[in-house]
Protein backbone atom coordinates (compact mmCIF):
# COMPACT_ATOMS: atom_id res chain seq x y z
CA UNK A 1 -0.77 16.69 13.71
CA UNK A 2 -0.64 13.43 12.11
CA UNK A 3 2.27 10.58 12.88
CA UNK A 4 3.01 8.68 10.32
CA UNK A 5 4.21 5.20 10.74
CA UNK A 6 6.67 4.07 7.60
CA UNK A 7 6.17 7.73 6.07
CA UNK A 8 9.55 7.36 3.95
CA UNK A 9 8.13 4.03 2.13
CA UNK A 10 6.46 3.94 -1.15
CA UNK A 11 2.50 5.05 -0.68
CA UNK A 12 3.40 6.84 2.67
CA UNK A 13 5.64 9.05 1.43
CA UNK A 14 3.25 10.54 -1.76
CA UNK A 15 1.07 10.76 1.01
CA UNK A 16 3.07 13.04 3.42
CA UNK A 17 3.66 14.96 0.80
CA UNK A 18 -0.32 15.54 0.36
CA UNK A 19 -0.70 16.03 3.85
CA UNK A 20 2.12 18.66 4.03
CA UNK A 21 0.25 20.77 0.97
CA UNK A 22 -3.22 20.34 2.96
CA UNK A 23 -1.32 22.34 5.42
CA UNK A 24 -0.98 19.49 8.25
CA UNK A 25 2.07 18.51 10.67
CA UNK A 26 3.65 15.94 9.96
CA UNK A 27 6.24 13.54 11.82
CA UNK A 28 7.45 10.35 10.19
CA UNK A 29 8.53 7.26 12.13
CA UNK A 30 10.87 5.18 9.73
CA UNK A 31 13.85 2.96 9.72
CA UNK A 32 14.68 4.75 6.70
CA UNK A 33 16.72 2.84 5.27
CA UNK A 34 17.41 4.55 2.13
CA UNK A 35 18.38 7.81 4.48
CA UNK A 36 15.29 10.96 4.61
CA UNK A 37 16.23 12.31 0.59
CA UNK A 38 12.43 11.80 -0.16
CA UNK A 39 10.78 13.78 2.69
CA UNK A 40 9.34 17.44 2.23
CA UNK A 41 10.66 20.45 3.71
CA UNK A 42 9.35 20.62 7.58
CA UNK A 43 8.51 17.03 8.63
CA UNK A 44 9.62 15.53 11.54
CA UNK A 45 11.50 12.16 10.95
CA UNK A 46 12.89 9.87 13.80
CA UNK A 47 14.42 6.76 12.77
CA UNK A 48 13.38 3.72 15.33
CA UNK A 49 11.63 0.83 14.64
CA UNK A 50 8.10 0.09 16.23
CA UNK A 51 9.76 -2.96 17.88
CA UNK A 52 10.99 -0.35 20.35
CA UNK A 53 7.90 1.03 22.36
CA UNK A 54 9.68 2.96 24.70
CA UNK A 55 11.08 4.96 21.85
CA UNK A 56 7.73 4.90 19.80
CA UNK A 57 5.95 6.21 22.87
CA UNK A 58 7.97 8.77 22.95
CA UNK A 59 8.07 9.69 19.53
CA UNK A 60 4.51 9.51 19.57
CA UNK A 61 4.00 11.59 22.41
CA UNK A 62 6.41 14.63 21.21
CA UNK A 63 4.66 14.59 18.27
CA UNK A 64 1.76 16.00 19.66
CA UNK A 65 -0.39 14.27 17.06
CA UNK A 66 -3.59 13.02 17.42
CA UNK A 67 -4.18 10.24 14.50
CA UNK A 68 -1.77 8.06 13.32
CA UNK A 69 -1.43 6.70 9.78
CA UNK A 70 0.31 3.31 9.29
CA UNK A 71 1.80 2.17 6.84
CA UNK A 72 5.15 0.59 8.23
CA UNK A 73 4.56 -2.89 7.14
CA UNK A 74 6.33 -6.18 4.94
CA UNK A 75 4.69 -6.47 1.82
CA UNK A 76 5.49 -9.09 -0.64
CA UNK A 77 3.33 -12.17 -0.55
CA UNK A 78 5.68 -14.92 -1.90
CA UNK A 79 8.16 -13.73 0.73
CA UNK A 80 5.74 -14.09 3.44
CA UNK A 81 5.30 -17.97 2.74
CA UNK A 82 8.59 -17.99 3.03
CA UNK A 83 9.60 -16.02 6.33
CA UNK A 84 5.87 -16.38 8.09
CA UNK A 85 7.93 -15.58 11.56
CA UNK A 86 9.32 -12.52 10.20
CA UNK A 87 5.37 -11.37 8.89
CA UNK A 88 3.82 -11.64 11.84
CA UNK A 89 6.29 -10.49 14.20
CA UNK A 90 6.53 -6.67 12.15
CA UNK A 91 3.35 -6.76 10.79
CA UNK A 92 1.25 -8.05 13.54
CA UNK A 93 2.98 -7.90 17.06
CA UNK A 94 4.46 -4.23 15.80
CA UNK A 95 0.82 -3.05 15.29
CA UNK A 96 0.24 -4.23 18.90
CA UNK A 97 3.00 -2.08 20.06
CA UNK A 98 1.68 0.74 17.97
CA UNK A 99 -2.02 0.17 19.51
CA UNK A 100 -0.26 0.45 23.24
CA UNK A 101 2.13 3.73 22.51
CA UNK A 102 -1.85 5.48 21.25
CA UNK A 103 -3.00 4.55 24.22
CA UNK A 104 -0.57 5.51 26.45
CA UNK A 105 -0.14 8.85 24.35
CA UNK A 106 -4.01 9.00 24.63
CA UNK A 107 -4.56 9.35 20.43
CA UNK A 108 -7.71 7.29 19.18
CA UNK A 109 -8.06 7.55 15.38
CA UNK A 110 -5.30 5.45 13.09
CA UNK A 111 -5.90 4.99 9.59
CA UNK A 112 -4.08 1.73 8.54
CA UNK A 113 -3.19 0.43 5.40
CA UNK A 114 -4.73 -2.96 4.49
CA UNK A 115 -4.65 -4.91 1.43
CA UNK A 116 -6.75 -6.55 -0.31
CA UNK A 117 -4.75 -9.81 0.54
CA UNK A 118 -7.09 -10.39 3.32
CA UNK A 119 -9.96 -11.95 0.62
CA UNK A 120 -8.21 -14.56 -0.60
CA UNK A 121 -9.57 -16.27 -3.70
CA UNK A 122 -12.98 -14.71 -4.24
CA UNK A 123 -15.87 -16.25 -4.90
CA UNK A 124 -16.48 -13.15 -6.90
CA UNK A 125 -15.47 -10.04 -8.82
CA UNK A 126 -15.59 -7.12 -8.06
CA UNK A 127 -14.92 -7.79 -4.62
CA UNK A 128 -16.97 -5.96 -1.80
CA UNK A 129 -15.81 -5.00 1.81
CA UNK A 130 -18.28 -7.35 2.80
CA UNK A 131 -16.94 -10.09 0.77
CA UNK A 132 -15.74 -13.46 3.45
CA UNK A 133 -11.89 -12.30 4.45
CA UNK A 134 -9.80 -15.92 3.36
CA UNK A 135 -6.69 -14.99 3.02
CA UNK A 136 -4.17 -17.20 0.85
CA UNK A 137 -1.15 -16.09 2.11
CA UNK A 138 0.69 -15.52 5.41
CA UNK A 139 0.71 -11.43 4.19
CA UNK A 140 -3.21 -11.36 3.65
CA UNK A 141 -3.10 -13.03 7.56
CA UNK A 142 -1.23 -10.50 8.94
CA UNK A 143 -3.24 -7.57 7.30
CA UNK A 144 -6.52 -9.33 8.33
CA UNK A 145 -5.46 -10.25 12.20
CA UNK A 146 -4.44 -6.26 12.51
CA UNK A 147 -7.69 -5.50 11.12
CA UNK A 148 -9.65 -7.74 13.26
CA UNK A 149 -7.66 -5.86 16.58
CA UNK A 150 -8.65 -2.43 15.55
CA UNK A 151 -12.04 -3.76 15.70
CA UNK A 152 -10.93 -5.04 19.31
CA UNK A 153 -9.20 -1.60 19.95
CA UNK A 154 -12.34 0.49 19.45
CA UNK A 155 -14.53 -1.67 21.67
CA UNK A 156 -12.49 -2.00 24.46
CA UNK A 157 -10.32 1.83 24.10
CA UNK A 158 -12.59 3.56 21.82
CA UNK A 159 -9.73 3.86 19.09
CA UNK A 160 -11.59 4.25 15.95
CA UNK A 161 -10.26 3.22 12.60
CA UNK A 162 -10.11 3.20 8.91
CA UNK A 163 -8.73 0.01 6.92
CA UNK A 164 -8.12 0.42 3.51
CA UNK A 165 -7.93 -2.41 1.57
CA UNK A 166 -5.21 -0.98 -1.11
CA UNK A 167 -5.76 -3.00 -4.49
CA UNK A 168 -2.27 -3.18 -6.66
CA UNK A 169 -1.20 0.68 -5.86
CA UNK A 170 1.25 1.89 -9.08
CA UNK A 171 2.37 5.17 -10.48
CA UNK A 172 5.05 7.79 -9.43
CA UNK A 173 4.35 11.37 -7.90
CA UNK A 174 3.85 13.96 -11.36
CA UNK A 175 6.61 15.97 -10.29
CA UNK A 176 9.01 12.48 -10.82
CA UNK A 177 11.14 13.20 -7.61
CA UNK A 178 9.32 9.55 -5.52
CA UNK A 179 8.14 6.65 -7.24
CA UNK A 180 8.40 2.55 -6.43
CA UNK A 181 11.40 0.93 -5.65
CA UNK A 182 11.54 -1.75 -3.12
CA UNK A 183 14.07 -3.82 -2.54
CA UNK A 184 14.12 -5.98 -3.23
CA UNK A 185 11.34 -5.40 -5.97
CA UNK A 186 8.32 -7.86 -6.22
CA UNK A 187 5.79 -5.96 -8.40
CA UNK A 188 4.91 -6.51 -11.44
CA UNK A 189 5.08 -2.99 -12.88
CA UNK A 190 8.49 -1.58 -11.12
CA UNK A 191 10.16 -4.88 -12.37
CA UNK A 192 8.73 -4.79 -16.49
CA UNK A 193 9.98 -1.52 -16.27
CA UNK A 194 13.51 -2.62 -15.66
CA UNK A 195 13.28 -4.94 -18.10
CA UNK A 196 12.14 -2.31 -20.43
CA UNK A 197 15.14 -0.25 -19.33
CA UNK A 198 17.73 -3.14 -19.72
CA UNK A 199 17.93 -3.26 -16.39
CA UNK A 200 17.26 -6.81 -16.08
CA UNK A 201 17.24 -9.68 -19.06
CA UNK A 202 13.63 -10.38 -18.55
CA UNK A 203 10.41 -10.88 -16.67
CA UNK A 204 9.21 -13.74 -14.75
CA UNK A 205 5.42 -14.04 -15.23
CA UNK A 206 3.93 -16.16 -12.30
CA UNK A 207 1.72 -18.76 -13.68
CA UNK A 208 0.33 -19.45 -17.23
CA UNK A 209 -2.41 -21.68 -16.31
CA UNK A 210 -4.90 -19.66 -14.14
CA UNK A 211 -8.96 -18.99 -15.22
CA UNK A 212 -8.34 -16.15 -16.66
CA UNK A 213 -8.64 -14.77 -20.55
CA UNK A 214 -5.13 -15.36 -21.36
CA UNK A 215 -3.97 -17.77 -18.09
CA UNK A 216 -1.90 -15.02 -16.10
CA UNK A 217 -3.33 -13.49 -12.74
CA UNK A 218 -5.98 -10.77 -13.24
CA UNK A 219 -5.22 -7.69 -10.56
CA UNK A 220 -6.87 -4.07 -9.98
CA UNK A 221 -4.26 -1.19 -10.34
CA UNK A 222 -4.87 2.31 -8.65
CA UNK A 223 -2.77 5.37 -9.09
CA UNK A 224 -0.65 6.16 -5.99
CA UNK A 225 -1.55 9.56 -5.54
CA UNK A 226 -5.67 8.36 -5.88
CA UNK A 227 -4.22 6.03 -2.36
CA UNK A 228 -3.10 9.35 -1.05
CA UNK A 229 -5.90 11.27 -1.65
CA UNK A 230 -7.95 8.85 -0.06
CA UNK A 231 -5.75 8.54 3.01
CA UNK A 232 -6.94 12.25 3.71
CA UNK A 233 -10.46 12.01 2.79
CA UNK A 234 -10.20 9.36 5.49
CA UNK A 235 -8.21 11.36 8.16
CA UNK A 236 -11.05 13.83 7.78
CA UNK A 237 -13.79 11.75 8.57
CA UNK A 238 -12.00 10.25 11.41
CA UNK A 239 -11.61 13.90 12.80
CA UNK A 240 -15.43 14.91 11.84
CA UNK A 241 -16.07 12.11 14.83
CA UNK A 242 -16.88 9.27 11.89
CA UNK A 243 -17.27 5.97 13.36
CA UNK A 244 -14.61 2.95 12.48
CA UNK A 245 -14.86 1.60 8.89
CA UNK A 246 -13.27 -0.19 6.03
CA UNK A 247 -13.16 0.41 2.29
CA UNK A 248 -11.52 -0.87 -0.90
CA UNK A 249 -9.45 1.08 -3.00
CA UNK A 250 -8.87 -0.17 -6.16
CA UNK A 251 -10.60 1.24 -9.86
CA UNK A 252 -13.23 -1.76 -11.04
CA UNK A 253 -11.14 -3.27 -13.69
CA UNK A 254 -8.94 -6.25 -13.76
CA UNK A 255 -5.73 -6.23 -15.87
CA UNK A 256 -3.88 -9.63 -16.67
CA UNK A 257 -0.08 -9.88 -16.29
CA UNK A 258 0.26 -9.88 -20.08
CA UNK A 259 -1.68 -7.15 -20.50
CA UNK A 260 -0.15 -5.00 -18.48
CA UNK A 261 2.92 -6.31 -20.09
CA UNK A 262 1.24 -5.33 -23.57
CA UNK A 263 0.62 -1.63 -21.56
CA UNK A 264 4.21 -1.09 -20.59
CA UNK A 265 5.25 -2.13 -24.28
CA UNK A 266 3.03 0.71 -25.56
CA UNK A 267 4.41 3.56 -22.75
CA UNK A 268 7.60 3.13 -22.73
CA UNK A 269 8.26 1.66 -27.43
CA UNK A 270 10.00 -0.69 -26.00
CA UNK A 271 10.25 -4.43 -25.53
CA UNK A 272 9.83 -6.90 -22.64
CA UNK A 273 10.89 -10.09 -22.94
CA UNK A 274 9.23 -12.32 -20.50
CA UNK A 275 9.00 -15.88 -19.24
CA UNK A 276 6.06 -17.73 -17.66
CA UNK A 277 7.22 -20.09 -14.35
CA UNK A 278 5.63 -21.99 -12.12
CA UNK A 279 2.49 -20.41 -9.94
CA UNK A 280 3.95 -18.56 -6.61
CA UNK A 281 2.06 -20.12 -3.74
CA UNK A 282 -1.20 -18.04 -2.56
CA UNK A 283 -1.72 -16.13 -5.58
CA UNK A 284 -5.50 -15.06 -6.18
CA UNK A 285 -6.49 -15.59 -9.68
CA UNK A 286 -8.31 -12.58 -10.12
CA UNK A 287 -8.80 -9.78 -7.80
CA UNK A 288 -10.50 -6.47 -8.42
CA UNK A 289 -12.18 -4.23 -6.03
CA UNK A 290 -15.83 -2.62 -5.94
CA UNK A 291 -14.82 0.68 -4.76
CA UNK A 292 -18.19 2.26 -4.79
CA UNK A 293 -18.67 2.43 -0.85
CA UNK A 294 -15.36 4.84 -0.85
CA UNK A 295 -17.22 6.60 -3.41
CA UNK A 296 -20.16 7.10 -1.24
CA UNK A 297 -19.27 7.88 2.13
CA UNK A 298 -15.95 9.26 1.95
CA UNK A 299 -16.39 11.29 -1.82
CA UNK A 300 -13.41 9.73 -3.05
CA UNK A 301 -13.08 9.96 -7.06
CA UNK A 302 -9.84 8.59 -8.63
CA UNK A 303 -8.18 11.19 -10.83
CA UNK A 304 -5.97 8.58 -12.97
CA UNK A 305 -7.90 5.63 -12.83
CA UNK A 306 -6.70 4.68 -16.80
CA UNK A 307 -3.56 1.93 -16.97
CA UNK A 308 -1.66 3.57 -19.58
CA UNK A 309 -2.14 6.90 -17.42
CA UNK A 310 -0.18 4.78 -14.09
CA UNK A 311 2.41 3.15 -16.13
CA UNK A 312 3.62 6.05 -17.96
CA UNK A 313 3.66 7.99 -14.60
CA UNK A 314 5.57 4.96 -13.75
CA UNK A 315 8.09 5.04 -16.64
CA UNK A 316 8.95 8.60 -16.22
CA UNK A 317 9.95 8.15 -12.86
CA UNK A 318 11.66 4.99 -14.02
CA UNK A 319 13.56 6.98 -16.39
CA UNK A 320 14.90 9.58 -13.92
CA UNK A 321 15.66 7.34 -11.74
CA UNK A 322 18.24 5.55 -14.06
CA UNK A 323 19.62 9.13 -14.84
CA UNK A 324 20.94 9.08 -11.20
CA UNK A 325 22.51 6.37 -10.71
């Protein structure tokens, strides 16, 4: 039995579907700002906030779960620099509430949705897990702080954890029923697809003077279904009494923002007008992963590593989403 915080969100909802397909009993604890329509049949849904410790504790105990998957968190790096209190409260303080609820309910396993943002500006790429963590924005700092908390709660309370450091999640479920749509949207691929669909006039690219091959940021894109699969493998590793660990999840290939735009134009057959604007505070020039540890220890193998495949799945879902409006 699994308790999933933020299970109605982008990566959480895709993982919940795989959990159900694998025969897991799932309880989703979420604010459900868009309702519960994306959850598969049989999932127990609890509307709540991690700040509400009594409700959180009651819900975790009633679920009968023996493990937690923690997706609930704010994710916009730019916004985190403008509203740091919001991020420290939600991503760290509310995370402490979750750990306290786990202690009260004697749940001792957690998979944490972390981020490549913990690394900051890397000294070398591809980035291994033992690379120094020096976040350059509040968002990355909150992820790193919670990782540190998990390390201490392992020592003090025996809570074993696996921290999955995502690089750039993208793409959509093959059914076309769920995909990426944040409010407000801050991620490159869905914004660019909105431009291709005529929902936005142009795309803003933050920074054109980075020390990269075309001056725009370089990022590692990973299909959301490959991320979801990694969570099931990590859960299995913990349930087999594995030790706490940290893993990168990426494809090990970096694409510039302009290369992503060109791929979207090719996949959609439409132009994506763009304008280069000033850099965002805290953005690193290059972030792409070494995921050899996850491949070796979790037997994780991305099934859709090509950027074109990732973009095409997102494009299909965005067309479906527009047709529903």
